N, C-alpha and C. Protein backbone atom coordinates (compact mmCIF):
# COMPACT_ATOMS: atom_id res chain seq x y z
N MET A 1 -79.51 -47.00 -193.78
CA MET A 1 -80.92 -46.85 -194.00
C MET A 1 -81.27 -47.28 -195.42
N ALA A 2 -82.43 -47.88 -195.55
CA ALA A 2 -82.87 -48.36 -196.86
C ALA A 2 -83.25 -47.19 -197.75
N LYS A 3 -82.97 -47.34 -199.04
CA LYS A 3 -83.40 -46.35 -200.02
C LYS A 3 -84.85 -46.62 -200.35
N HIS A 4 -85.55 -45.58 -200.67
CA HIS A 4 -86.97 -45.71 -200.98
C HIS A 4 -87.19 -45.41 -202.44
N SER A 5 -87.90 -46.32 -203.06
CA SER A 5 -88.17 -46.12 -204.49
C SER A 5 -89.35 -45.18 -204.69
N ALA A 6 -90.29 -45.19 -203.77
CA ALA A 6 -91.46 -44.33 -203.95
C ALA A 6 -91.50 -43.29 -202.84
N GLN A 7 -91.53 -42.04 -203.21
CA GLN A 7 -91.68 -40.95 -202.25
C GLN A 7 -93.17 -40.74 -202.02
N PRO A 8 -93.57 -40.32 -200.81
CA PRO A 8 -94.99 -40.05 -200.60
C PRO A 8 -95.46 -38.95 -201.55
N LYS A 9 -96.69 -39.12 -202.05
CA LYS A 9 -97.25 -38.12 -202.95
C LYS A 9 -97.62 -36.89 -202.13
N ILE A 10 -97.16 -35.74 -202.56
CA ILE A 10 -97.42 -34.49 -201.84
C ILE A 10 -98.38 -33.67 -202.68
N GLU A 11 -99.50 -33.31 -202.05
CA GLU A 11 -100.54 -32.60 -202.78
C GLU A 11 -100.81 -31.24 -202.16
N THR A 12 -101.40 -30.35 -202.94
CA THR A 12 -101.90 -29.09 -202.40
C THR A 12 -103.40 -29.27 -202.22
N THR A 13 -103.88 -29.00 -200.99
CA THR A 13 -105.30 -29.16 -200.69
C THR A 13 -105.77 -27.94 -199.93
N GLU A 14 -107.06 -27.91 -199.61
CA GLU A 14 -107.57 -26.86 -198.75
C GLU A 14 -107.94 -27.48 -197.42
N VAL A 15 -107.57 -26.80 -196.35
CA VAL A 15 -107.88 -27.25 -195.01
C VAL A 15 -108.87 -26.28 -194.41
N VAL A 16 -109.94 -26.80 -193.82
CA VAL A 16 -110.91 -25.94 -193.17
C VAL A 16 -110.51 -25.80 -191.72
N SER A 17 -110.10 -24.61 -191.32
CA SER A 17 -109.75 -24.37 -189.92
C SER A 17 -111.00 -23.83 -189.25
N PRO A 18 -111.01 -23.74 -187.92
CA PRO A 18 -112.19 -23.19 -187.25
C PRO A 18 -112.47 -21.75 -187.67
N LEU A 19 -111.48 -21.04 -188.17
CA LEU A 19 -111.66 -19.64 -188.50
C LEU A 19 -111.86 -19.38 -189.99
N ARG A 20 -111.20 -20.14 -190.83
CA ARG A 20 -111.28 -19.87 -192.26
C ARG A 20 -110.77 -21.07 -193.06
N ILE A 21 -110.98 -21.04 -194.35
CA ILE A 21 -110.43 -22.07 -195.23
C ILE A 21 -109.02 -21.64 -195.60
N VAL A 22 -108.07 -22.52 -195.36
CA VAL A 22 -106.66 -22.20 -195.58
C VAL A 22 -106.11 -23.12 -196.65
N PRO A 23 -105.66 -22.57 -197.78
CA PRO A 23 -105.04 -23.45 -198.77
C PRO A 23 -103.67 -23.87 -198.25
N THR A 24 -103.40 -25.16 -198.33
CA THR A 24 -102.09 -25.63 -197.89
C THR A 24 -101.14 -25.64 -199.07
N GLN A 25 -99.88 -25.47 -198.77
CA GLN A 25 -98.85 -25.48 -199.79
C GLN A 25 -98.23 -26.87 -199.84
N PRO A 26 -97.64 -27.22 -200.97
CA PRO A 26 -96.93 -28.49 -201.00
C PRO A 26 -95.91 -28.51 -199.86
N SER A 27 -95.75 -29.64 -199.24
CA SER A 27 -94.91 -29.74 -198.06
C SER A 27 -94.03 -30.97 -198.14
N ALA A 28 -92.96 -30.95 -197.37
CA ALA A 28 -92.10 -32.12 -197.29
C ALA A 28 -92.71 -33.17 -196.37
N LEU A 29 -93.78 -32.81 -195.67
CA LEU A 29 -94.42 -33.75 -194.75
C LEU A 29 -95.59 -34.44 -195.44
N PRO A 30 -95.69 -35.76 -195.30
CA PRO A 30 -96.80 -36.49 -195.92
C PRO A 30 -98.10 -36.31 -195.15
N GLN A 31 -99.22 -36.49 -195.84
CA GLN A 31 -100.52 -36.49 -195.18
C GLN A 31 -100.82 -37.92 -194.78
N LEU A 32 -101.27 -38.11 -193.55
CA LEU A 32 -101.59 -39.44 -193.05
C LEU A 32 -103.09 -39.65 -193.18
N LYS A 33 -103.48 -40.71 -193.82
CA LYS A 33 -104.89 -40.97 -194.05
C LYS A 33 -105.39 -42.19 -193.29
N GLU A 34 -104.50 -43.02 -192.79
CA GLU A 34 -104.89 -44.23 -192.07
C GLU A 34 -103.77 -44.64 -191.14
N GLY A 35 -104.03 -45.66 -190.31
CA GLY A 35 -103.02 -46.14 -189.38
C GLY A 35 -101.82 -46.73 -190.11
N LEU A 36 -100.68 -46.61 -189.50
CA LEU A 36 -99.44 -47.10 -190.09
C LEU A 36 -98.69 -47.95 -189.08
N SER A 37 -97.88 -48.87 -189.58
CA SER A 37 -97.02 -49.66 -188.69
C SER A 37 -95.77 -48.85 -188.36
N LYS A 38 -95.01 -49.28 -187.38
CA LYS A 38 -93.78 -48.59 -187.02
C LYS A 38 -92.81 -48.57 -188.20
N THR A 39 -92.76 -49.65 -188.96
CA THR A 39 -91.87 -49.71 -190.12
C THR A 39 -92.30 -48.70 -191.17
N GLN A 40 -93.60 -48.60 -191.42
CA GLN A 40 -94.09 -47.63 -192.39
C GLN A 40 -93.83 -46.20 -191.92
N ILE A 41 -93.98 -45.96 -190.63
CA ILE A 41 -93.71 -44.62 -190.09
C ILE A 41 -92.24 -44.28 -190.26
N ALA A 42 -91.35 -45.24 -189.96
CA ALA A 42 -89.91 -45.00 -190.13
C ALA A 42 -89.58 -44.71 -191.59
N ASP A 43 -90.20 -45.45 -192.50
CA ASP A 43 -89.96 -45.21 -193.93
C ASP A 43 -90.45 -43.83 -194.36
N MET A 44 -91.63 -43.45 -193.88
CA MET A 44 -92.16 -42.13 -194.23
C MET A 44 -91.31 -41.01 -193.63
N ALA A 45 -90.83 -41.22 -192.41
CA ALA A 45 -89.97 -40.22 -191.77
C ALA A 45 -88.68 -40.06 -192.56
N ASP A 46 -88.11 -41.18 -192.99
CA ASP A 46 -86.89 -41.13 -193.79
C ASP A 46 -87.13 -40.39 -195.11
N ALA A 47 -88.26 -40.68 -195.75
CA ALA A 47 -88.60 -39.99 -197.00
C ALA A 47 -88.84 -38.50 -196.76
N ALA A 48 -89.48 -38.15 -195.64
CA ALA A 48 -89.74 -36.74 -195.34
C ALA A 48 -88.43 -35.99 -195.11
N VAL A 49 -87.49 -36.61 -194.39
CA VAL A 49 -86.19 -35.98 -194.17
C VAL A 49 -85.48 -35.79 -195.50
N SER A 50 -85.54 -36.80 -196.35
CA SER A 50 -84.92 -36.67 -197.69
C SER A 50 -85.54 -35.51 -198.46
N ASN A 51 -86.86 -35.37 -198.39
CA ASN A 51 -87.54 -34.25 -199.06
C ASN A 51 -87.07 -32.91 -198.51
N VAL A 52 -86.93 -32.83 -197.19
CA VAL A 52 -86.47 -31.59 -196.57
C VAL A 52 -85.07 -31.25 -197.04
N LEU A 53 -84.21 -32.25 -197.09
CA LEU A 53 -82.83 -32.03 -197.52
C LEU A 53 -82.77 -31.55 -198.97
N GLU A 54 -83.69 -32.04 -199.80
CA GLU A 54 -83.73 -31.61 -201.20
C GLU A 54 -84.37 -30.24 -201.36
N ASP A 55 -85.48 -30.02 -200.65
CA ASP A 55 -86.26 -28.79 -200.83
C ASP A 55 -85.76 -27.61 -200.00
N GLY A 56 -85.07 -27.91 -198.91
CA GLY A 56 -84.58 -26.84 -198.05
C GLY A 56 -85.65 -26.19 -197.20
N THR A 57 -86.76 -26.87 -196.96
CA THR A 57 -87.88 -26.29 -196.20
C THR A 57 -87.76 -26.60 -194.71
N VAL A 58 -86.55 -26.61 -194.20
CA VAL A 58 -86.30 -27.10 -192.85
C VAL A 58 -86.99 -26.29 -191.77
N PHE A 59 -87.07 -24.96 -191.88
CA PHE A 59 -87.68 -24.16 -190.82
C PHE A 59 -89.18 -24.39 -190.74
N GLY A 60 -89.85 -24.45 -191.87
CA GLY A 60 -91.28 -24.72 -191.88
C GLY A 60 -91.60 -26.10 -191.35
N VAL A 61 -90.78 -27.07 -191.72
CA VAL A 61 -90.99 -28.44 -191.24
C VAL A 61 -90.73 -28.52 -189.73
N ALA A 62 -89.67 -27.86 -189.26
CA ALA A 62 -89.38 -27.86 -187.82
C ALA A 62 -90.56 -27.28 -187.04
N GLU A 63 -91.11 -26.18 -187.54
CA GLU A 63 -92.26 -25.57 -186.86
C GLU A 63 -93.48 -26.48 -186.94
N ALA A 64 -93.71 -27.09 -188.09
CA ALA A 64 -94.87 -27.98 -188.25
C ALA A 64 -94.75 -29.18 -187.30
N LEU A 65 -93.56 -29.74 -187.17
CA LEU A 65 -93.37 -30.88 -186.27
C LEU A 65 -93.62 -30.48 -184.81
N ALA A 66 -93.12 -29.31 -184.42
CA ALA A 66 -93.35 -28.84 -183.06
C ALA A 66 -94.84 -28.61 -182.81
N THR A 67 -95.52 -28.08 -183.80
CA THR A 67 -96.95 -27.84 -183.69
C THR A 67 -97.70 -29.16 -183.54
N MET A 68 -97.34 -30.13 -184.37
CA MET A 68 -98.00 -31.45 -184.28
C MET A 68 -97.75 -32.10 -182.93
N GLU A 69 -96.52 -31.98 -182.40
CA GLU A 69 -96.22 -32.55 -181.08
C GLU A 69 -97.10 -31.93 -180.01
N GLU A 70 -97.24 -30.61 -180.04
CA GLU A 70 -98.09 -29.93 -179.05
C GLU A 70 -99.54 -30.36 -179.19
N PHE A 71 -100.01 -30.46 -180.44
CA PHE A 71 -101.39 -30.89 -180.70
C PHE A 71 -101.62 -32.29 -180.14
N VAL A 72 -100.72 -33.22 -180.44
CA VAL A 72 -100.87 -34.60 -179.99
C VAL A 72 -100.87 -34.66 -178.46
N LYS A 73 -99.94 -33.94 -177.82
CA LYS A 73 -99.89 -33.93 -176.35
C LYS A 73 -101.19 -33.40 -175.77
N ALA A 74 -101.72 -32.32 -176.36
CA ALA A 74 -102.95 -31.71 -175.84
C ALA A 74 -104.13 -32.66 -175.97
N VAL A 75 -104.26 -33.32 -177.10
CA VAL A 75 -105.38 -34.25 -177.30
C VAL A 75 -105.24 -35.46 -176.38
N ARG A 76 -104.03 -36.04 -176.31
CA ARG A 76 -103.85 -37.26 -175.53
C ARG A 76 -104.03 -37.06 -174.03
N LYS A 77 -103.85 -35.83 -173.53
CA LYS A 77 -104.03 -35.62 -172.10
C LYS A 77 -105.40 -35.04 -171.75
N ASP A 78 -106.22 -34.74 -172.75
CA ASP A 78 -107.56 -34.21 -172.50
C ASP A 78 -108.42 -35.29 -171.86
N GLU A 79 -108.91 -35.02 -170.66
CA GLU A 79 -109.69 -36.02 -169.91
C GLU A 79 -110.95 -36.44 -170.65
N ARG A 80 -111.57 -35.53 -171.42
CA ARG A 80 -112.77 -35.89 -172.18
C ARG A 80 -112.44 -36.95 -173.22
N TYR A 81 -111.30 -36.74 -173.92
CA TYR A 81 -110.86 -37.69 -174.94
C TYR A 81 -110.54 -39.04 -174.29
N ILE A 82 -109.80 -39.00 -173.18
CA ILE A 82 -109.41 -40.24 -172.50
C ILE A 82 -110.65 -41.00 -172.06
N GLN A 83 -111.61 -40.30 -171.46
CA GLN A 83 -112.81 -40.98 -170.98
C GLN A 83 -113.63 -41.55 -172.14
N PHE A 84 -113.76 -40.79 -173.22
CA PHE A 84 -114.52 -41.28 -174.37
C PHE A 84 -113.84 -42.52 -174.96
N LEU A 85 -112.52 -42.49 -175.09
CA LEU A 85 -111.78 -43.63 -175.62
C LEU A 85 -111.95 -44.84 -174.70
N ARG A 86 -111.86 -44.63 -173.40
CA ARG A 86 -112.04 -45.74 -172.46
C ARG A 86 -113.47 -46.30 -172.53
N ASP A 87 -114.46 -45.41 -172.67
CA ASP A 87 -115.84 -45.87 -172.81
C ASP A 87 -116.01 -46.72 -174.06
N GLU A 88 -115.41 -46.28 -175.16
CA GLU A 88 -115.50 -47.04 -176.41
C GLU A 88 -114.75 -48.37 -176.30
N LEU A 89 -113.59 -48.36 -175.63
CA LEU A 89 -112.85 -49.61 -175.45
C LEU A 89 -113.63 -50.60 -174.58
N ALA A 90 -114.37 -50.08 -173.61
CA ALA A 90 -115.17 -50.95 -172.74
C ALA A 90 -116.18 -51.74 -173.57
N LYS A 91 -116.67 -51.14 -174.64
CA LYS A 91 -117.62 -51.84 -175.53
C LYS A 91 -116.94 -52.98 -176.27
N HIS A 92 -115.60 -52.98 -176.29
CA HIS A 92 -114.82 -54.02 -176.98
C HIS A 92 -113.99 -54.82 -175.98
N HIS A 93 -114.53 -54.96 -174.76
CA HIS A 93 -113.88 -55.72 -173.69
C HIS A 93 -112.49 -55.18 -173.36
N GLY A 94 -112.30 -53.87 -173.49
CA GLY A 94 -111.08 -53.21 -173.06
C GLY A 94 -109.91 -53.28 -174.02
N ARG A 95 -110.15 -53.84 -175.22
CA ARG A 95 -109.03 -54.00 -176.15
C ARG A 95 -109.55 -54.00 -177.58
N LEU A 96 -108.78 -53.33 -178.46
CA LEU A 96 -109.16 -53.29 -179.87
C LEU A 96 -107.90 -53.32 -180.71
N ILE A 97 -107.94 -54.05 -181.78
CA ILE A 97 -106.84 -54.04 -182.75
C ILE A 97 -107.38 -53.41 -184.01
N THR A 98 -106.73 -52.32 -184.46
CA THR A 98 -107.20 -51.59 -185.63
C THR A 98 -106.87 -52.37 -186.91
N SER A 99 -107.40 -51.91 -188.02
CA SER A 99 -107.15 -52.59 -189.29
C SER A 99 -105.68 -52.55 -189.68
N SER A 100 -104.93 -51.56 -189.16
CA SER A 100 -103.51 -51.50 -189.47
C SER A 100 -102.66 -52.26 -188.46
N GLY A 101 -103.31 -52.88 -187.46
CA GLY A 101 -102.59 -53.71 -186.50
C GLY A 101 -102.24 -53.04 -185.19
N ALA A 102 -102.62 -51.77 -185.00
CA ALA A 102 -102.33 -51.09 -183.74
C ALA A 102 -103.24 -51.65 -182.65
N LYS A 103 -102.68 -51.90 -181.48
CA LYS A 103 -103.45 -52.39 -180.34
C LYS A 103 -103.76 -51.20 -179.44
N ILE A 104 -105.03 -51.03 -179.14
CA ILE A 104 -105.47 -49.98 -178.22
C ILE A 104 -106.11 -50.71 -177.04
N GLU A 105 -105.54 -50.51 -175.85
CA GLU A 105 -105.99 -51.25 -174.68
C GLU A 105 -106.18 -50.32 -173.50
N MET A 106 -107.13 -50.68 -172.64
CA MET A 106 -107.27 -49.97 -171.37
C MET A 106 -106.17 -50.46 -170.46
N CYS A 107 -105.64 -49.55 -169.66
CA CYS A 107 -104.60 -49.93 -168.70
C CYS A 107 -104.60 -48.94 -167.56
N GLU A 108 -103.93 -49.30 -166.51
CA GLU A 108 -103.73 -48.42 -165.37
C GLU A 108 -102.30 -47.91 -165.48
N ALA A 109 -102.13 -46.60 -165.46
CA ALA A 109 -100.80 -45.99 -165.59
C ALA A 109 -100.58 -45.04 -164.43
N GLY A 110 -99.34 -44.76 -164.14
CA GLY A 110 -99.02 -43.81 -163.08
C GLY A 110 -99.38 -44.33 -161.70
N VAL A 111 -99.29 -45.64 -161.49
CA VAL A 111 -99.60 -46.22 -160.20
C VAL A 111 -98.52 -45.83 -159.20
N THR A 112 -98.92 -45.37 -158.04
CA THR A 112 -97.96 -45.02 -157.00
C THR A 112 -98.34 -45.74 -155.71
N TYR A 113 -97.35 -45.96 -154.88
CA TYR A 113 -97.56 -46.58 -153.58
C TYR A 113 -97.01 -45.66 -152.50
N ASP A 114 -97.65 -45.62 -151.36
CA ASP A 114 -97.20 -44.82 -150.23
C ASP A 114 -96.58 -45.77 -149.20
N TYR A 115 -95.26 -45.74 -149.11
CA TYR A 115 -94.54 -46.62 -148.20
C TYR A 115 -94.24 -45.95 -146.87
N SER A 116 -94.67 -44.71 -146.70
CA SER A 116 -94.28 -43.93 -145.52
C SER A 116 -94.81 -44.49 -144.21
N GLY A 117 -95.69 -45.45 -144.25
CA GLY A 117 -96.19 -46.07 -143.03
C GLY A 117 -95.20 -47.07 -142.44
N ASN A 118 -94.13 -47.40 -143.18
CA ASN A 118 -93.15 -48.37 -142.72
C ASN A 118 -91.93 -47.65 -142.15
N ALA A 119 -91.59 -47.95 -140.88
CA ALA A 119 -90.49 -47.26 -140.20
C ALA A 119 -89.15 -47.50 -140.89
N GLU A 120 -88.87 -48.72 -141.30
CA GLU A 120 -87.59 -49.02 -141.97
C GLU A 120 -87.47 -48.24 -143.28
N TRP A 121 -88.58 -48.15 -144.03
CA TRP A 121 -88.58 -47.39 -145.29
C TRP A 121 -88.30 -45.91 -145.01
N ARG A 122 -88.94 -45.35 -143.97
CA ARG A 122 -88.73 -43.93 -143.63
C ARG A 122 -87.27 -43.67 -143.27
N GLU A 123 -86.67 -44.60 -142.54
CA GLU A 123 -85.25 -44.46 -142.16
C GLU A 123 -84.36 -44.48 -143.40
N LEU A 124 -84.60 -45.42 -144.29
CA LEU A 124 -83.81 -45.49 -145.54
C LEU A 124 -84.03 -44.24 -146.40
N GLU A 125 -85.25 -43.75 -146.45
CA GLU A 125 -85.56 -42.55 -147.22
C GLU A 125 -84.81 -41.34 -146.68
N ALA A 126 -84.71 -41.22 -145.36
CA ALA A 126 -83.97 -40.13 -144.74
C ALA A 126 -82.48 -40.23 -145.08
N GLU A 127 -81.93 -41.46 -145.07
CA GLU A 127 -80.53 -41.66 -145.45
C GLU A 127 -80.31 -41.29 -146.91
N ARG A 128 -81.21 -41.72 -147.77
CA ARG A 128 -81.11 -41.41 -149.20
C ARG A 128 -81.14 -39.90 -149.42
N PHE A 129 -82.04 -39.21 -148.73
CA PHE A 129 -82.15 -37.76 -148.85
C PHE A 129 -80.83 -37.09 -148.46
N GLU A 130 -80.22 -37.54 -147.35
CA GLU A 130 -78.96 -36.96 -146.89
C GLU A 130 -77.84 -37.24 -147.89
N ILE A 131 -77.80 -38.44 -148.43
CA ILE A 131 -76.78 -38.78 -149.44
C ILE A 131 -76.96 -37.92 -150.68
N GLU A 132 -78.19 -37.73 -151.13
CA GLU A 132 -78.46 -36.88 -152.30
C GLU A 132 -78.03 -35.44 -152.04
N ARG A 133 -78.28 -34.93 -150.83
CA ARG A 133 -77.88 -33.57 -150.48
C ARG A 133 -76.36 -33.43 -150.53
N ARG A 134 -75.65 -34.39 -149.95
CA ARG A 134 -74.19 -34.36 -149.96
C ARG A 134 -73.64 -34.47 -151.38
N LYS A 135 -74.24 -35.33 -152.16
CA LYS A 135 -73.82 -35.52 -153.55
C LYS A 135 -73.96 -34.22 -154.34
N LYS A 136 -75.09 -33.52 -154.17
CA LYS A 136 -75.30 -32.24 -154.87
C LYS A 136 -74.27 -31.20 -154.47
N THR A 137 -73.92 -31.17 -153.19
CA THR A 137 -72.90 -30.23 -152.71
C THR A 137 -71.57 -30.49 -153.42
N ILE A 138 -71.19 -31.75 -153.51
CA ILE A 138 -69.94 -32.11 -154.20
C ILE A 138 -70.02 -31.74 -155.67
N GLU A 139 -71.14 -32.04 -156.33
CA GLU A 139 -71.31 -31.73 -157.76
C GLU A 139 -71.19 -30.23 -158.00
N GLU A 140 -71.77 -29.42 -157.11
CA GLU A 140 -71.68 -27.96 -157.26
C GLU A 140 -70.24 -27.49 -157.18
N LYS A 141 -69.45 -28.06 -156.24
CA LYS A 141 -68.03 -27.70 -156.12
C LYS A 141 -67.27 -28.06 -157.39
N LEU A 142 -67.51 -29.27 -157.90
CA LEU A 142 -66.78 -29.75 -159.07
C LEU A 142 -67.17 -29.01 -160.35
N ARG A 143 -68.42 -28.55 -160.42
CA ARG A 143 -68.91 -27.86 -161.62
C ARG A 143 -68.23 -26.51 -161.82
N ILE A 144 -67.83 -25.85 -160.73
CA ILE A 144 -67.22 -24.52 -160.89
C ILE A 144 -65.74 -24.59 -161.27
N ILE A 145 -65.17 -25.80 -161.20
CA ILE A 145 -63.78 -25.99 -161.62
C ILE A 145 -63.80 -26.36 -163.10
N ALA A 146 -62.96 -25.74 -163.89
CA ALA A 146 -62.90 -26.04 -165.33
C ALA A 146 -62.61 -27.54 -165.52
N PRO A 147 -63.21 -28.15 -166.53
CA PRO A 147 -63.00 -29.58 -166.78
C PRO A 147 -61.51 -29.92 -166.88
N GLY A 148 -61.09 -30.95 -166.13
CA GLY A 148 -59.71 -31.41 -166.17
C GLY A 148 -58.76 -30.61 -165.30
N ARG A 149 -59.19 -29.46 -164.78
CA ARG A 149 -58.33 -28.63 -163.93
C ARG A 149 -58.34 -29.18 -162.50
N ILE A 150 -57.27 -28.91 -161.77
CA ILE A 150 -57.13 -29.36 -160.40
C ILE A 150 -57.27 -28.15 -159.47
N SER A 151 -57.97 -28.36 -158.35
CA SER A 151 -58.14 -27.30 -157.36
C SER A 151 -58.05 -27.94 -155.97
N VAL A 152 -57.71 -27.16 -155.00
CA VAL A 152 -57.66 -27.64 -153.62
C VAL A 152 -58.75 -26.94 -152.83
N ASP A 153 -59.57 -27.73 -152.13
CA ASP A 153 -60.64 -27.18 -151.30
C ASP A 153 -59.98 -26.51 -150.09
N PRO A 154 -60.16 -25.17 -149.93
CA PRO A 154 -59.48 -24.46 -148.83
C PRO A 154 -59.95 -24.91 -147.44
N GLU A 155 -61.16 -25.42 -147.34
CA GLU A 155 -61.69 -25.85 -146.04
C GLU A 155 -61.15 -27.21 -145.62
N THR A 156 -61.05 -28.13 -146.58
CA THR A 156 -60.68 -29.51 -146.24
C THR A 156 -59.29 -29.90 -146.71
N GLY A 157 -58.71 -29.14 -147.66
CA GLY A 157 -57.42 -29.51 -148.24
C GLY A 157 -57.54 -30.60 -149.29
N GLU A 158 -58.77 -31.01 -149.58
CA GLU A 158 -59.00 -32.07 -150.56
C GLU A 158 -58.67 -31.58 -151.96
N VAL A 159 -58.01 -32.44 -152.75
CA VAL A 159 -57.68 -32.12 -154.14
C VAL A 159 -58.90 -32.49 -154.99
N LEU A 160 -59.38 -31.52 -155.75
CA LEU A 160 -60.57 -31.71 -156.58
C LEU A 160 -60.22 -31.54 -158.05
N GLU A 161 -60.79 -32.35 -158.90
CA GLU A 161 -60.60 -32.22 -160.33
C GLU A 161 -61.95 -31.87 -160.96
N GLY A 162 -61.94 -30.87 -161.84
CA GLY A 162 -63.17 -30.45 -162.51
C GLY A 162 -63.79 -31.58 -163.31
N ALA A 163 -65.11 -31.64 -163.27
CA ALA A 163 -65.84 -32.70 -163.97
C ALA A 163 -65.81 -32.49 -165.47
N GLN A 164 -65.72 -33.58 -166.21
CA GLN A 164 -65.81 -33.51 -167.66
C GLN A 164 -67.26 -33.22 -168.03
N LYS A 165 -67.43 -32.37 -169.01
CA LYS A 165 -68.77 -31.95 -169.41
C LYS A 165 -69.02 -32.44 -170.84
N THR A 166 -70.18 -33.02 -171.06
CA THR A 166 -70.59 -33.42 -172.40
C THR A 166 -71.95 -32.82 -172.70
N SER A 167 -72.21 -32.61 -173.96
CA SER A 167 -73.52 -32.12 -174.37
C SER A 167 -73.76 -32.56 -175.80
N LYS A 168 -74.97 -32.36 -176.25
CA LYS A 168 -75.33 -32.69 -177.62
C LYS A 168 -75.90 -31.43 -178.25
N SER A 169 -75.38 -31.07 -179.40
CA SER A 169 -75.90 -29.89 -180.10
C SER A 169 -77.20 -30.27 -180.79
N THR A 170 -78.22 -29.47 -180.59
CA THR A 170 -79.53 -29.73 -181.18
C THR A 170 -80.19 -28.39 -181.46
N TYR A 171 -81.49 -28.30 -181.40
CA TYR A 171 -82.20 -27.04 -181.61
C TYR A 171 -83.39 -27.00 -180.67
N ARG A 172 -83.97 -25.82 -180.54
CA ARG A 172 -85.14 -25.64 -179.69
C ARG A 172 -86.15 -24.81 -180.48
N ILE A 173 -87.41 -25.13 -180.33
CA ILE A 173 -88.48 -24.36 -180.96
C ILE A 173 -89.44 -23.93 -179.87
N THR A 174 -89.76 -22.65 -179.82
CA THR A 174 -90.75 -22.14 -178.89
C THR A 174 -91.91 -21.61 -179.72
N LEU A 175 -93.04 -22.27 -179.60
CA LEU A 175 -94.22 -21.86 -180.35
C LEU A 175 -94.86 -20.64 -179.70
N ALA A 176 -95.46 -19.78 -180.50
CA ALA A 176 -96.16 -18.62 -179.98
C ALA A 176 -97.37 -19.08 -179.17
N ARG A 177 -97.75 -18.31 -178.18
CA ARG A 177 -98.91 -18.67 -177.34
C ARG A 177 -100.20 -18.39 -178.06
């Protein structure tokens, strides 16, 4: 990763919340004032992580990131927001490029097709369902055997070896309701 000569300037400001004015504390997270490119975002993220490693504010930053993720998800799925954005895009022929180069376009997403009217498709779907059911049964048998251990299925006499298990250590944050 590239070293950064300039760290984002971190300021203490006041934020007006719907309930009260809240003074913010200096943070390892930068304030975003305009659109950024993916490269700029990656650089800022790298600088923010470096700040966290120096300052040790990891729990507050983890909570702030989780909060921002929830906020972004809530806004992006709000039908009022989506409709207003689509209405505004329609005024620009369905497409707009921001001053920072981001492209905002109308599109159709989540398109689904119903193939159930086709007999051959229904037959294949039934076969797939049966194969998936059988596969899950086998996976359940193998999961109860310790990884690398050998067992014999008492019903069939089949020799079974426990499945290797992998995972990734990470963390989880549950925000208060």
